[in-house]
Protein backbone atom coordinates (compact mmCIF):
# COMPACT_ATOMS: atom_id res chain seq x y z
CA UNK A 1 45.73 -45.50 -44.65
CA UNK A 2 43.85 -47.50 -47.26
CA UNK A 3 40.58 -46.91 -45.41
CA UNK A 4 41.17 -43.15 -45.45
CA UNK A 5 41.84 -43.15 -49.21
CA UNK A 6 38.75 -45.28 -49.79
CA UNK A 7 36.57 -42.90 -47.77
CA UNK A 8 38.00 -39.88 -49.63
CA UNK A 9 37.37 -41.48 -53.02
CA UNK A 10 33.84 -42.40 -52.01
CA UNK A 11 33.18 -38.80 -50.92
CA UNK A 12 34.59 -37.48 -54.20
CA UNK A 13 32.41 -39.89 -56.19
CA UNK A 14 29.29 -38.78 -54.29
CA UNK A 15 30.15 -35.12 -54.88
CA UNK A 16 30.61 -35.64 -58.63
CA UNK A 17 27.34 -37.60 -58.83
CA UNK A 18 25.48 -34.76 -57.07
CA UNK A 19 27.02 -32.17 -59.43
CA UNK A 20 25.96 -34.18 -62.46
CA UNK A 21 22.40 -34.45 -61.17
CA UNK A 22 22.29 -30.71 -60.44
CA UNK A 23 23.50 -29.91 -63.98
CA UNK A 24 20.84 -32.11 -65.53
CA UNK A 25 18.14 -30.57 -63.32
CA UNK A 26 19.20 -27.06 -64.36
CA UNK A 27 19.17 -28.08 -68.02
CA UNK A 28 15.65 -29.47 -67.62
CA UNK A 29 14.50 -26.21 -66.01
CA UNK A 30 16.09 -24.18 -68.81
CA UNK A 31 14.06 -26.18 -71.32
CA UNK A 32 10.86 -24.93 -69.65
CA UNK A 33 11.67 -21.25 -70.19
CA UNK A 34 9.58 -19.78 -73.00
CA UNK A 35 11.13 -18.18 -76.07
CA UNK A 36 8.22 -15.78 -76.60
CA UNK A 37 5.80 -13.89 -74.37
CA UNK A 38 2.44 -12.27 -74.99
CA UNK A 39 2.49 -8.61 -73.93
CA UNK A 40 -0.35 -6.12 -73.66
CA UNK A 41 0.19 -2.95 -75.71
CA UNK A 42 -0.86 0.59 -74.75
CA UNK A 43 -4.26 0.17 -76.47
CA UNK A 44 -4.93 -3.22 -74.82
CA UNK A 45 -4.06 -5.42 -77.80
CA UNK A 46 -1.89 -8.50 -77.30
CA UNK A 47 1.38 -8.85 -79.19
CA UNK A 48 3.81 -11.76 -79.22
CA UNK A 49 7.40 -10.68 -78.59
CA UNK A 50 10.69 -12.44 -77.74
CA UNK A 51 11.30 -12.71 -73.99
CA UNK A 52 14.44 -10.58 -74.42
CA UNK A 53 12.23 -7.68 -75.61
CA UNK A 54 10.26 -7.50 -72.34
CA UNK A 55 10.91 -4.45 -70.21
CA UNK A 56 10.37 -3.72 -66.54
CA UNK A 57 6.72 -2.76 -66.08
CA UNK A 58 5.39 -4.64 -69.13
CA UNK A 59 2.10 -6.42 -68.53
CA UNK A 60 2.23 -9.96 -69.90
CA UNK A 61 -0.43 -12.58 -70.49
CA UNK A 62 0.12 -15.91 -68.76
CA UNK A 63 -1.99 -18.73 -70.10
CA UNK A 64 -2.73 -21.89 -68.09
CA UNK A 65 -0.52 -24.94 -68.77
CA UNK A 66 2.19 -22.92 -70.50
CA UNK A 67 5.72 -22.15 -69.45
CA UNK A 68 6.12 -18.87 -67.66
CA UNK A 69 9.07 -16.61 -67.15
CA UNK A 70 10.29 -16.60 -63.55
CA UNK A 71 10.06 -12.78 -63.56
CA UNK A 72 6.28 -12.81 -64.16
CA UNK A 73 4.30 -12.23 -61.00
CA UNK A 74 0.57 -12.99 -60.85
CA UNK A 75 -1.63 -11.87 -57.98
CA UNK A 76 -5.02 -13.55 -57.77
CA UNK A 77 -6.84 -15.52 -60.44
CA UNK A 78 -6.38 -12.84 -63.16
CA UNK A 79 -4.28 -13.75 -66.17
CA UNK A 80 -2.72 -10.27 -66.43
CA UNK A 81 0.72 -10.22 -64.83
CA UNK A 82 3.16 -7.41 -64.15
CA UNK A 83 6.84 -7.92 -64.93
CA UNK A 84 8.73 -7.08 -61.75
CA UNK A 85 12.35 -6.88 -60.66
CA UNK A 86 11.70 -8.43 -57.24
CA UNK A 87 10.64 -11.94 -56.41
CA UNK A 88 6.90 -12.27 -55.85
CA UNK A 89 5.48 -13.93 -52.76
């Protein structure tokens, strides 16, 4: 009986440790999300807007070595990206 309780407590401890590591990993990923994005306007100018102001179909500028929103999809070496509702491959 004591062996069963020990095994159950060990399993619970491992589960709690894994949950704590997952929480810290998610917090680290959230830190990488940008607060602002650079969006192309109708006339081709670039404006800086909050990420919350981006709409489906907006074309955003993604610069190298900067954080990028997970919704931005880039195809090829161009730095112009189209905001899409589906995950890019």
